[in-house]
């Protein structure tokens, strides 16, 4: 069987696909332009003026969270790895319980624009804000790389682009459009796009889920049996030397050796703790007027995200059964192409174009939210609070934010091109690992440990971000493996692809040691005020006097 020919024959109508894309971009850009007209102050640009209800914000959080990794990466991972692919969904979902129970309400009560507002509340402002900004940029860039890679895969499938240089052009175009979204609309425009996208994505996935069961003429047992049969006759899978039934068992991707099992533990730790440290998700808690609405928004998001991941499992096994591993692996983007190829199999070119356009809107909305978060951190935490001692005007701050967005767009384009062949769910897991290492220990210590001081916060954040980045750079994810970013080089000395098992405990340990080894900040009055605010919400609107 010539699977290259098969893939080229099964990508739909490129002209129709691009036409649907253009319509989506025009519609969403119109929404952004209308919302952008009301973006006059820094609070409008960063948090949409805290004017959204809990339900609206829950939809937007779901839109933010259900990224290219959730739709393209997880469906592809389940189609090829079965049970182990579904474990990504479990990790991404369970993480919200940590965010809801430990972080959402206290953050909304204490902060104003960014995560650093919380971390610096009872600590010395400048060193903490700089460290928080560096951590935010590291997480945002990794997340952006994943979205760019997903966009490249998606459009390459639709336009049947098998050459890497063609996919690189696609990534560059996505970066330019994303930059335009943020520059024009700020947080308000981006939030509306995310709400629209969440409704369309969950609706589209629901339609595909029902359609899968209609196509196989059965329920879950039929679906799983058909997926096993497809794996059994796959030319590519047979060369890998495992039984087709293994897609229903744990261990196919992460059980081959003790190192792989450790890698899975590391991945799970990163996913479960990572959400509570994702800056673009944490920033969403400031787009609602009260802590009660923040709680409600997380609850709405959990319901929507949980339903989505259950449907993603059906789509993953549906792609295995109806599309087959050979066609998926032969398509541009490999595993990332499973969802759009399933849409083509179910409903033809028009349905594939619609589903892919929704996925493309997913990418644009998520990267726009990430860009706003990173730009807010640079402008609000570094430029305004450190370089200008809080004396910068709102016009200056927003201008610095916009410049940061442009620079970030360029960086993410370059790195996204390097990572085009990676599964986007895996790339996002690296962002979760950096977030869990750099941010979560400091957030939890700041909120719940009275003795915690500035030295502990700075040590924890720098240790977390540096150790995570160094271990990723020295891992098989970057070099020394066929699927690495640099497959023809090998400097990998760290055996795990996910650094969380080492970097997260190191960050916690660094925060504890540095705090106990140095003198307190003597800001007990602020520690007491922060405790009251975080738990009760009293005094939320009052300024903080350092």
Protein backbone atom coordinates (compact mmCIF):
# COMPACT_ATOMS: atom_id res chain seq x y z
CA UNK A 1 0.00 0.00 0.00
CA UNK A 2 1.38 3.42 -0.97
CA UNK A 3 0.50 5.40 2.16
CA UNK A 4 2.06 8.60 0.81
CA UNK A 5 -0.32 8.51 -2.14
CA UNK A 6 -3.16 7.65 0.24
CA UNK A 7 -2.42 10.70 2.41
CA UNK A 8 -2.18 13.01 -0.60
CA UNK A 9 -5.54 11.79 -1.88
CA UNK A 10 -7.28 12.34 1.47
CA UNK A 11 -6.80 15.96 2.44
CA UNK A 12 -10.00 17.38 1.01
CA UNK A 13 -10.32 20.40 -1.28
CA UNK A 14 -7.53 22.92 -0.51
CA UNK A 15 -9.41 25.86 -2.09
CA UNK A 16 -12.55 25.14 -0.03
CA UNK A 17 -10.43 24.66 3.09
CA UNK A 18 -8.64 27.98 2.75
CA UNK A 19 -11.92 29.78 1.94
CA UNK A 20 -13.50 28.56 5.20
CA UNK A 21 -10.33 29.62 7.05
CA UNK A 22 -10.50 33.12 5.63
CA UNK A 23 -14.18 33.46 6.62
CA UNK A 24 -13.34 32.44 10.21
CA UNK A 25 -10.45 34.88 10.40
CA UNK A 26 -12.58 37.74 9.04
CA UNK A 27 -15.43 37.03 11.48
CA UNK A 28 -13.20 36.72 14.54
CA UNK A 29 -11.12 39.75 13.56
CA UNK A 30 -14.36 41.77 13.25
CA UNK A 31 -15.24 40.74 16.82
CA UNK A 32 -11.76 41.74 17.99
CA UNK A 33 -11.95 45.12 16.23
CA UNK A 34 -15.33 45.92 17.82
CA UNK A 35 -14.09 44.96 21.27
CA UNK A 36 -10.83 46.84 20.70
CA UNK A 37 -12.70 50.13 20.39
CA UNK A 38 -13.51 49.96 24.11
CA UNK A 39 -9.89 49.17 25.10
CA UNK A 40 -8.76 52.53 26.45
CA UNK A 41 -7.02 51.81 29.75
CA UNK A 42 -4.41 49.30 30.91
CA UNK A 43 -7.07 47.38 32.84
CA UNK A 44 -9.08 47.00 29.62
CA UNK A 45 -6.06 45.69 27.71
CA UNK A 46 -4.97 43.23 30.42
CA UNK A 47 -8.20 42.03 32.06
CA UNK A 48 -11.04 43.35 29.93
CA UNK A 49 -11.93 45.76 32.75
CA UNK A 50 -12.96 42.79 34.98
CA UNK A 51 -16.34 43.02 33.27
CA UNK A 52 -17.11 39.36 32.49
CA UNK A 53 -19.51 37.11 34.40
CA UNK A 54 -18.44 33.79 35.87
CA UNK A 55 -20.22 31.87 33.10
CA UNK A 56 -18.64 34.00 30.35
CA UNK A 57 -15.23 33.67 31.95
CA UNK A 58 -15.70 29.91 32.40
CA UNK A 59 -16.35 29.64 28.67
CA UNK A 60 -13.26 31.75 27.99
CA UNK A 61 -11.13 29.64 30.36
CA UNK A 62 -12.31 26.52 28.55
CA UNK A 63 -11.44 28.25 25.29
CA UNK A 64 -8.01 29.14 26.66
CA UNK A 65 -7.35 25.66 28.02
CA UNK A 66 -8.74 23.56 25.17
CA UNK A 67 -5.85 24.37 22.92
CA UNK A 68 -4.33 22.66 19.91
CA UNK A 69 -2.86 20.15 22.37
CA UNK A 70 -6.31 19.16 23.62
CA UNK A 71 -7.88 18.75 20.20
CA UNK A 72 -5.10 17.81 17.77
CA UNK A 73 -2.47 16.36 20.09
CA UNK A 74 -4.62 14.24 22.40
CA UNK A 75 -6.82 12.83 19.63
CA UNK A 76 -3.67 11.88 17.72
CA UNK A 77 -1.99 10.44 20.79
CA UNK A 78 -5.03 8.27 21.62
CA UNK A 79 -5.30 7.13 17.98
CA UNK A 80 -1.69 5.91 17.99
CA UNK A 81 -1.05 4.99 21.65
CA UNK A 82 -4.53 4.21 22.98
CA UNK A 83 -4.75 4.15 26.78
CA UNK A 84 -1.46 6.00 27.35
CA UNK A 85 -2.61 8.79 25.04
CA UNK A 86 -5.80 9.20 27.10
CA UNK A 87 -3.66 9.72 30.22
CA UNK A 88 -2.82 13.20 28.90
CA UNK A 89 -6.55 14.02 29.19
CA UNK A 90 -6.68 12.74 32.77
CA UNK A 91 -3.70 14.87 33.78
CA UNK A 92 -5.00 18.02 32.09
CA UNK A 93 -8.44 17.57 33.71
CA UNK A 94 -7.44 16.59 37.27
CA UNK A 95 -5.17 19.64 37.36
CA UNK A 96 -8.24 21.86 37.54
CA UNK A 97 -9.13 20.50 40.97
CA UNK A 98 -5.78 21.79 42.25
CA UNK A 99 -6.44 25.17 40.65
CA UNK A 100 -9.99 25.37 42.06
CA UNK A 101 -9.24 24.24 45.60
CA UNK A 102 -5.91 25.99 46.23
CA UNK A 103 -5.43 28.89 43.84
CA UNK A 104 -8.46 30.45 42.09
CA UNK A 105 -10.16 32.42 44.86
CA UNK A 106 -7.04 33.55 46.79
CA UNK A 107 -5.42 34.77 43.57
CA UNK A 108 -8.51 36.80 42.61
CA UNK A 109 -8.64 38.35 46.08
CA UNK A 110 -4.97 39.32 46.23
CA UNK A 111 -3.94 40.22 42.66
CA UNK A 112 -4.82 42.84 40.11
CA UNK A 113 -3.30 42.11 36.69
CA UNK A 114 -0.65 39.38 36.88
CA UNK A 115 0.65 36.46 38.93
CA UNK A 116 3.50 38.68 40.18
CA UNK A 117 0.95 40.94 41.92
CA UNK A 118 0.24 38.01 44.24
CA UNK A 119 3.83 36.90 44.70
CA UNK A 120 5.07 40.41 45.49
CA UNK A 121 2.16 41.36 47.77
CA UNK A 122 4.04 40.68 51.02
CA UNK A 123 7.56 40.39 49.59
CA UNK A 124 10.03 42.90 48.18
CA UNK A 125 8.63 44.06 44.86
CA UNK A 126 11.50 44.32 42.39
CA UNK A 127 13.37 41.00 42.69
CA UNK A 128 10.13 39.01 42.86
CA UNK A 129 8.53 40.76 39.88
CA UNK A 130 11.61 40.25 37.69
CA UNK A 131 11.77 36.55 38.60
CA UNK A 132 8.03 36.14 38.00
CA UNK A 133 8.29 37.86 34.61
CA UNK A 134 11.12 35.54 33.53
CA UNK A 135 9.10 32.49 34.63
CA UNK A 136 6.01 33.80 32.81
CA UNK A 137 7.96 34.34 29.60
CA UNK A 138 9.48 30.84 29.78
CA UNK A 139 6.08 29.17 30.23
CA UNK A 140 4.39 31.34 27.60
CA UNK A 141 7.06 30.68 24.97
CA UNK A 142 6.86 26.90 25.45
CA UNK A 143 3.07 27.02 25.20
CA UNK A 144 3.29 29.24 22.12
CA UNK A 145 5.69 26.79 20.45
CA UNK A 146 3.08 24.03 20.86
CA UNK A 147 0.28 26.14 19.37
CA UNK A 148 2.44 27.22 16.43
CA UNK A 149 3.42 23.60 15.74
CA UNK A 150 -0.26 22.62 15.89
CA UNK A 151 -1.22 25.37 13.46
CA UNK A 152 1.51 24.31 11.06
CA UNK A 153 0.32 20.71 11.14
CA UNK A 154 -3.32 21.65 10.74
CA UNK A 155 -2.96 23.95 7.73
CA UNK A 156 -0.40 21.61 6.14
CA UNK A 157 -2.96 18.80 6.21
CA UNK A 158 -5.65 21.02 4.71
CA UNK A 159 -3.44 22.35 1.93
CA UNK A 160 -1.58 19.04 1.44
CA UNK A 161 1.81 20.60 2.24
CA UNK A 162 4.37 17.86 2.82
CA UNK A 163 7.47 20.03 2.49
CA UNK A 164 8.88 21.46 5.75
CA UNK A 165 9.51 24.87 4.20
CA UNK A 166 5.82 25.11 3.27
CA UNK A 167 4.81 24.28 6.84
CA UNK A 168 7.28 26.88 8.10
CA UNK A 169 5.51 29.54 6.03
CA UNK A 170 2.20 28.50 7.63
CA UNK A 171 3.68 28.88 11.14
CA UNK A 172 4.95 32.36 10.21
CA UNK A 173 1.50 33.43 8.92
CA UNK A 174 -0.17 32.18 12.13
CA UNK A 175 2.33 34.21 14.18
CA UNK A 176 1.53 37.37 12.23
CA UNK A 177 -2.26 36.92 12.57
CA UNK A 178 -1.93 36.20 16.30
CA UNK A 179 0.09 39.37 16.79
CA UNK A 180 -2.59 41.37 14.97
CA UNK A 181 -5.36 39.93 17.19
CA UNK A 182 -3.63 41.04 20.37
CA UNK A 183 -2.48 44.45 19.15
CA UNK A 184 -6.00 45.33 18.02
CA UNK A 185 -8.27 43.81 20.67
CA UNK A 186 -6.41 43.30 23.94
CA UNK A 187 -7.93 40.98 26.56
CA UNK A 188 -11.53 41.97 25.84
CA UNK A 189 -11.34 41.06 22.16
CA UNK A 190 -9.39 37.90 22.90
CA UNK A 191 -11.94 36.81 25.53
CA UNK A 192 -14.85 37.14 23.11
CA UNK A 193 -12.94 35.10 20.51
CA UNK A 194 -12.21 32.43 23.14
CA UNK A 195 -15.87 32.26 24.15
CA UNK A 196 -16.97 31.85 20.53
CA UNK A 197 -14.23 29.31 19.94
CA UNK A 198 -15.14 27.26 23.03
CA UNK A 199 -18.77 26.96 21.91
CA UNK A 200 -17.76 26.05 18.34
CA UNK A 201 -15.06 23.58 19.41
CA UNK A 202 -17.17 21.73 21.98
CA UNK A 203 -20.14 21.75 19.58
CA UNK A 204 -18.01 20.48 16.69
CA UNK A 205 -16.45 17.74 18.81
CA UNK A 206 -19.93 16.71 20.05
CA UNK A 207 -21.15 16.37 16.46
CA UNK A 208 -18.06 14.32 15.55
CA UNK A 209 -18.54 12.09 18.61
CA UNK A 210 -22.14 11.24 17.68
CA UNK A 211 -21.09 10.77 14.06
CA UNK A 212 -18.35 8.29 15.05
CA UNK A 213 -20.90 6.02 16.76
CA UNK A 214 -23.19 6.30 13.73
CA UNK A 215 -20.31 5.44 11.38
CA UNK A 216 -19.25 2.32 13.29
CA UNK A 217 -22.88 1.30 13.88
CA UNK A 218 -22.29 0.44 17.52
CA UNK A 219 -21.23 1.58 20.98
CA UNK A 220 -17.95 1.65 22.90
CA UNK A 221 -17.21 -2.08 22.52
CA UNK A 222 -17.58 -1.83 18.74
CA UNK A 223 -15.42 1.31 18.69
CA UNK A 224 -12.61 -0.32 20.67
CA UNK A 225 -12.75 -3.55 18.64
CA UNK A 226 -12.61 -1.61 15.35
CA UNK A 227 -9.61 0.39 16.64
CA UNK A 228 -7.81 -2.84 17.59
CA UNK A 229 -8.56 -4.29 14.14
CA UNK A 230 -7.17 -1.18 12.42
CA UNK A 231 -3.96 -1.42 14.45
CA UNK A 232 -3.69 -5.13 13.66
CA UNK A 233 -3.61 -4.52 9.88
CA UNK A 234 -1.45 -1.37 10.02
CA UNK A 235 1.85 -1.68 8.12
CA UNK A 236 3.56 0.95 10.29
CA UNK A 237 2.32 -0.43 13.61
CA UNK A 238 3.35 -3.99 12.73
CA UNK A 239 6.96 -2.86 12.32
CA UNK A 240 6.93 -1.54 15.90
CA UNK A 241 6.50 -5.02 17.33
CA UNK A 242 3.52 -4.76 19.71
CA UNK A 243 0.13 -6.45 19.74
CA UNK A 244 -2.86 -4.45 18.49
CA UNK A 245 -4.67 -5.17 21.78
CA UNK A 246 -2.03 -3.12 23.60
CA UNK A 247 -3.84 0.12 22.70
CA UNK A 248 -6.39 -0.83 25.37
CA UNK A 249 -3.75 -1.38 28.07
CA UNK A 250 -1.47 0.93 30.03
CA UNK A 251 2.20 0.92 29.13
CA UNK A 252 2.29 1.15 25.32
CA UNK A 253 3.96 4.56 25.37
CA UNK A 254 5.30 4.74 28.92
CA UNK A 255 5.72 1.13 30.12
CA UNK A 256 8.52 -0.35 28.03
CA UNK A 257 11.22 0.26 30.66
CA UNK A 258 11.75 1.64 34.16
CA UNK A 259 12.96 4.92 32.62
CA UNK A 260 9.72 5.20 30.63
CA UNK A 261 7.69 4.55 33.78
CA UNK A 262 9.59 7.31 35.59
CA UNK A 263 8.92 9.53 32.58
CA UNK A 264 5.19 8.92 32.98
CA UNK A 265 5.30 9.79 36.69
CA UNK A 266 7.19 12.95 35.78
CA UNK A 267 4.61 13.81 33.10
CA UNK A 268 1.69 13.21 35.48
CA UNK A 269 3.24 15.39 38.18
CA UNK A 270 3.80 18.19 35.69
CA UNK A 271 0.27 18.02 34.28
CA UNK A 272 -1.52 17.90 37.65
CA UNK A 273 0.44 20.81 39.17
CA UNK A 274 1.03 22.76 35.97
CA UNK A 275 -2.41 24.35 35.55
CA UNK A 276 -2.13 26.15 38.90
CA UNK A 277 1.02 27.82 37.55
CA UNK A 278 -0.01 28.69 33.99
CA UNK A 279 0.14 32.51 33.82
CA UNK A 280 -2.43 32.86 31.01
CA UNK A 281 -4.95 30.75 32.97
CA UNK A 282 -4.24 32.52 36.28
CA UNK A 283 -4.75 35.89 34.58
CA UNK A 284 -8.30 34.83 33.68
CA UNK A 285 -9.26 35.07 37.37
CA UNK A 286 -8.82 38.86 37.12
CA UNK A 287 -11.32 39.29 34.28
CA UNK A 288 -14.27 38.80 36.70
CA UNK A 289 -15.44 41.35 39.28
CA UNK A 290 -15.53 39.13 42.41
CA UNK A 291 -13.95 36.03 43.94
CA UNK A 292 -17.36 34.32 43.83
CA UNK A 293 -17.44 34.80 40.06
CA UNK A 294 -13.86 33.46 39.87
CA UNK A 295 -14.99 30.27 41.63
CA UNK A 296 -18.02 30.00 39.36
CA UNK A 297 -15.89 30.46 36.25
CA UNK A 298 -13.59 27.60 37.29
CA UNK A 299 -16.59 25.35 37.99
CA UNK A 300 -18.07 26.09 34.54
CA UNK A 301 -14.68 25.47 32.95
CA UNK A 302 -14.27 22.11 34.76
CA UNK A 303 -17.64 20.87 33.49
CA UNK A 304 -16.93 21.90 29.89
CA UNK A 305 -13.35 20.59 29.91
CA UNK A 306 -14.39 17.26 31.45
CA UNK A 307 -17.07 16.70 28.81
CA UNK A 308 -14.61 17.66 26.07
CA UNK A 309 -11.93 15.18 27.18
CA UNK A 310 -14.42 12.31 27.34
CA UNK A 311 -15.43 13.10 23.76
CA UNK A 312 -11.75 13.39 22.75
CA UNK A 313 -11.30 9.76 23.81
CA UNK A 314 -14.07 8.72 21.41
CA UNK A 315 -12.48 10.77 18.62
CA UNK A 316 -9.05 9.26 19.30
CA UNK A 317 -10.24 5.67 19.05
CA UNK A 318 -12.56 6.72 16.22
CA UNK A 319 -9.58 8.06 14.27
CA UNK A 320 -7.74 4.78 14.87
CA UNK A 321 -10.75 2.76 13.67
CA UNK A 322 -11.97 4.86 10.73
CA UNK A 323 -8.79 6.56 9.48
CA UNK A 324 -6.12 4.11 10.57
CA UNK A 325 -2.59 4.63 11.91
CA UNK A 326 -0.97 4.47 8.44
CA UNK A 327 -2.91 7.41 7.00
CA UNK A 328 -2.39 9.43 10.17
CA UNK A 329 1.38 8.89 10.23
CA UNK A 330 1.68 9.56 6.47
CA UNK A 331 -0.10 12.92 6.67
CA UNK A 332 1.75 16.22 7.26
CA UNK A 333 1.99 16.69 11.02
CA UNK A 334 1.61 12.94 11.65
CA UNK A 335 -0.29 12.42 14.97
CA UNK A 336 -1.55 16.03 14.91
CA UNK A 337 -3.46 15.24 11.69
CA UNK A 338 -5.72 12.58 13.24
CA UNK A 339 -8.64 14.89 14.13
CA UNK A 340 -8.95 16.68 10.76
CA UNK A 341 -8.56 13.37 8.87
CA UNK A 342 -11.36 11.89 11.02
CA UNK A 343 -13.57 14.87 10.13
CA UNK A 344 -12.82 14.23 6.43
CA UNK A 345 -13.70 10.55 6.81
CA UNK A 346 -16.98 11.36 8.56
CA UNK A 347 -18.32 14.31 6.59
CA UNK A 348 -16.16 14.98 3.57
CA UNK A 349 -14.25 18.10 2.54
CA UNK A 350 -16.75 20.67 3.82
CA UNK A 351 -16.97 19.15 7.31
CA UNK A 352 -13.19 18.78 7.46
CA UNK A 353 -12.78 22.44 6.51
CA UNK A 354 -15.28 23.55 9.19
CA UNK A 355 -13.71 21.45 11.96
CA UNK A 356 -10.21 22.54 10.95
CA UNK A 357 -11.26 26.17 10.90
CA UNK A 358 -12.56 25.78 14.46
CA UNK A 359 -9.24 24.20 15.43
CA UNK A 360 -7.42 27.08 13.75
CA UNK A 361 -9.54 29.56 15.72
CA UNK A 362 -8.54 27.53 18.79
CA UNK A 363 -4.87 28.11 18.05
CA UNK A 364 -5.34 31.83 17.39
CA UNK A 365 -7.35 32.41 20.57
CA UNK A 366 -4.90 30.54 22.78
CA UNK A 367 -1.79 32.20 21.37
CA UNK A 368 -3.47 35.60 21.70
CA UNK A 369 -4.19 34.94 25.38
CA UNK A 370 -0.62 33.79 25.94
CA UNK A 371 0.79 36.84 24.20
CA UNK A 372 -1.31 39.19 26.34
CA UNK A 373 -0.17 37.45 29.52
CA UNK A 374 3.50 37.60 28.61
CA UNK A 375 3.26 41.22 27.46
CA UNK A 376 1.42 42.21 30.65
CA UNK A 377 4.15 40.61 32.72
CA UNK A 378 6.92 42.49 30.91
CA UNK A 379 5.11 45.85 30.87
CA UNK A 380 3.38 45.77 34.27
CA UNK A 381 5.90 43.79 36.33
CA UNK A 382 9.24 44.78 34.80
CA UNK A 383 8.85 48.09 32.99
CA UNK A 384 6.31 49.83 35.20
CA UNK A 385 7.07 48.36 38.63
CA UNK A 386 10.86 47.88 38.36
CA UNK A 387 12.29 50.34 35.83
CA UNK A 388 9.78 53.14 36.43
CA UNK A 389 9.06 52.47 40.13
CA UNK A 390 5.33 52.36 39.45
CA UNK A 391 5.33 55.83 37.88
CA UNK A 392 4.76 54.81 34.26
CA UNK A 393 1.60 56.12 32.63
CA UNK A 394 -1.02 53.68 31.36
CA UNK A 395 -0.24 54.73 27.77
CA UNK A 396 3.44 53.85 28.26
CA UNK A 397 2.62 50.51 29.84
CA UNK A 398 0.26 49.48 27.05
CA UNK A 399 2.82 50.61 24.43
CA UNK A 400 5.51 48.41 26.01
CA UNK A 401 2.98 45.53 26.04
CA UNK A 402 2.36 45.92 22.33
CA UNK A 403 6.11 45.97 21.55
CA UNK A 404 6.53 42.81 23.65
CA UNK A 405 3.75 41.10 21.68
CA UNK A 406 5.59 41.77 18.41
CA UNK A 407 8.91 40.40 19.77
CA UNK A 408 7.15 37.39 21.26
CA UNK A 409 5.45 36.69 17.95
CA UNK A 410 8.82 36.61 16.16
CA UNK A 411 10.41 34.32 18.78
CA UNK A 412 7.47 31.90 18.77
CA UNK A 413 7.54 31.70 14.95
CA UNK A 414 11.20 30.65 14.94
CA UNK A 415 10.83 28.10 17.74
CA UNK A 416 7.51 26.85 16.36
CA UNK A 417 9.20 26.04 13.05
CA UNK A 418 11.85 23.99 14.89
CA UNK A 419 9.16 21.99 16.74
CA UNK A 420 6.78 21.29 13.84
CA UNK A 421 7.25 17.50 13.90
CA UNK A 422 6.53 17.11 17.65
CA UNK A 423 3.13 16.04 19.04
CA UNK A 424 1.57 19.25 20.36
CA UNK A 425 0.17 17.54 23.49
CA UNK A 426 3.73 16.60 24.40
CA UNK A 427 5.00 20.14 23.73
CA UNK A 428 2.30 21.58 25.99
CA UNK A 429 3.28 19.09 28.69
CA UNK A 430 6.74 20.73 28.67
CA UNK A 431 5.10 24.12 29.26
CA UNK A 432 3.17 22.56 32.17
CA UNK A 433 6.45 21.22 33.59
CA UNK A 434 8.06 24.67 33.47
CA UNK A 435 4.94 26.26 35.04
CA UNK A 436 4.75 23.66 37.81
CA UNK A 437 8.48 24.08 38.55
CA UNK A 438 8.80 27.86 38.32
CA UNK A 439 5.47 29.15 39.65
CA UNK A 440 3.49 26.64 41.73
CA UNK A 441 5.89 26.33 44.71
CA UNK A 442 6.15 30.10 45.06
CA UNK A 443 2.39 30.64 44.71
CA UNK A 444 1.58 28.03 47.36
CA UNK A 445 4.28 29.25 49.74
CA UNK A 446 3.17 32.89 49.30
CA UNK A 447 -0.46 32.06 50.03
CA UNK A 448 -0.05 29.53 52.84
CA UNK A 449 3.38 29.92 54.58
CA UNK A 450 3.76 33.00 56.81
CA UNK A 451 7.54 32.56 57.23
CA UNK A 452 8.16 32.61 53.45
CA UNK A 453 10.35 35.53 52.35
CA UNK A 454 11.74 37.23 49.25
CA UNK A 455 14.92 35.14 49.16
CA UNK A 456 12.84 31.96 49.19
CA UNK A 457 10.58 33.20 46.39
CA UNK A 458 13.45 34.26 44.13
CA UNK A 459 15.41 31.06 44.80
CA UNK A 460 12.36 28.88 44.14
CA UNK A 461 11.41 30.57 40.87
CA UNK A 462 14.92 30.73 39.41
CA UNK A 463 15.71 27.16 40.48
CA UNK A 464 12.44 25.92 38.99
CA UNK A 465 12.72 27.69 35.65
CA UNK A 466 16.46 27.08 35.15
CA UNK A 467 16.38 23.41 36.17
CA UNK A 468 13.32 22.73 33.98
CA UNK A 469 14.80 24.46 30.93
CA UNK A 470 18.24 22.85 31.34
CA UNK A 471 16.78 19.36 31.78
CA UNK A 472 14.52 19.82 28.73
CA UNK A 473 17.53 21.00 26.68
CA UNK A 474 19.47 17.88 27.75
CA UNK A 475 16.55 15.49 27.21
CA UNK A 476 15.60 13.20 24.29
CA UNK A 477 12.85 15.72 23.45
CA UNK A 478 15.49 18.09 22.02
CA UNK A 479 18.20 15.76 20.66
CA UNK A 480 19.21 12.14 20.30
CA UNK A 481 15.87 10.69 19.15
CA UNK A 482 14.11 10.42 15.74
CA UNK A 483 11.26 12.65 16.98
CA UNK A 484 13.51 15.23 18.70
CA UNK A 485 13.70 18.88 17.67
CA UNK A 486 17.26 18.19 16.46
CA UNK A 487 17.08 14.52 15.34
CA UNK A 488 20.53 14.52 13.72
CA UNK A 489 22.37 15.67 16.87
CA UNK A 490 22.76 14.03 20.26
CA UNK A 491 23.69 15.84 23.46
CA UNK A 492 20.95 14.28 25.61
CA UNK A 493 22.28 13.15 29.01
CA UNK A 494 19.00 13.43 30.97
CA UNK A 495 16.95 10.27 30.25
CA UNK A 496 13.43 11.66 30.85
CA UNK A 497 11.54 13.72 28.27
CA UNK A 498 9.59 15.53 31.03
CA UNK A 499 11.70 17.29 33.71
CA UNK A 500 8.99 17.66 36.39
CA UNK A 501 10.06 14.74 38.58
CA UNK A 502 13.36 16.51 39.26
CA UNK A 503 12.68 20.23 38.72
CA UNK A 504 9.46 20.53 40.80
CA UNK A 505 10.93 19.06 44.04
CA UNK A 506 14.09 21.15 43.45
CA UNK A 507 11.99 24.34 43.30
CA UNK A 508 10.10 23.48 46.50
CA UNK A 509 13.38 22.60 48.23
CA UNK A 510 15.12 25.79 47.08
CA UNK A 511 12.24 27.91 48.44
CA UNK A 512 12.35 26.18 51.83
CA UNK A 513 16.15 26.28 52.21
CA UNK A 514 16.52 29.92 51.10
CA UNK A 515 13.68 31.04 53.39
CA UNK A 516 15.05 29.27 56.47
CA UNK A 517 18.64 30.35 55.73
CA UNK A 518 17.85 34.08 55.47
CA UNK A 519 16.23 36.69 57.66
CA UNK A 520 12.50 37.45 57.42
CA UNK A 521 11.42 40.44 55.31
CA UNK A 522 9.85 42.14 58.36
CA UNK A 523 6.66 42.72 56.39
CA UNK A 524 4.41 40.91 58.85
CA UNK A 525 1.63 43.49 58.49
CA UNK A 526 1.43 42.70 54.77
CA UNK A 527 1.50 38.95 55.43
CA UNK A 528 -1.46 39.35 57.77
CA UNK A 529 -3.31 41.56 55.28
CA UNK A 530 -2.66 39.08 52.47
CA UNK A 531 -4.01 36.22 54.58
CA UNK A 532 -7.22 38.13 55.34
CA UNK A 533 -7.66 39.23 51.73
CA UNK A 534 -6.96 35.81 50.21
CA UNK A 535 -9.40 34.00 52.49
CA UNK A 536 -12.18 36.57 52.81
CA UNK A 537 -11.84 39.09 49.98
CA UNK A 538 -11.98 42.00 52.43
CA UNK A 539 -10.03 45.02 51.21
CA UNK A 540 -9.56 43.71 47.69
CA UNK A 541 -9.78 47.13 46.06
CA UNK A 542 -7.46 48.86 48.54
CA UNK A 543 -3.91 49.67 47.34
CA UNK A 544 -0.95 47.89 48.90
CA UNK A 545 1.62 50.08 50.69
CA UNK A 546 5.12 48.66 50.73
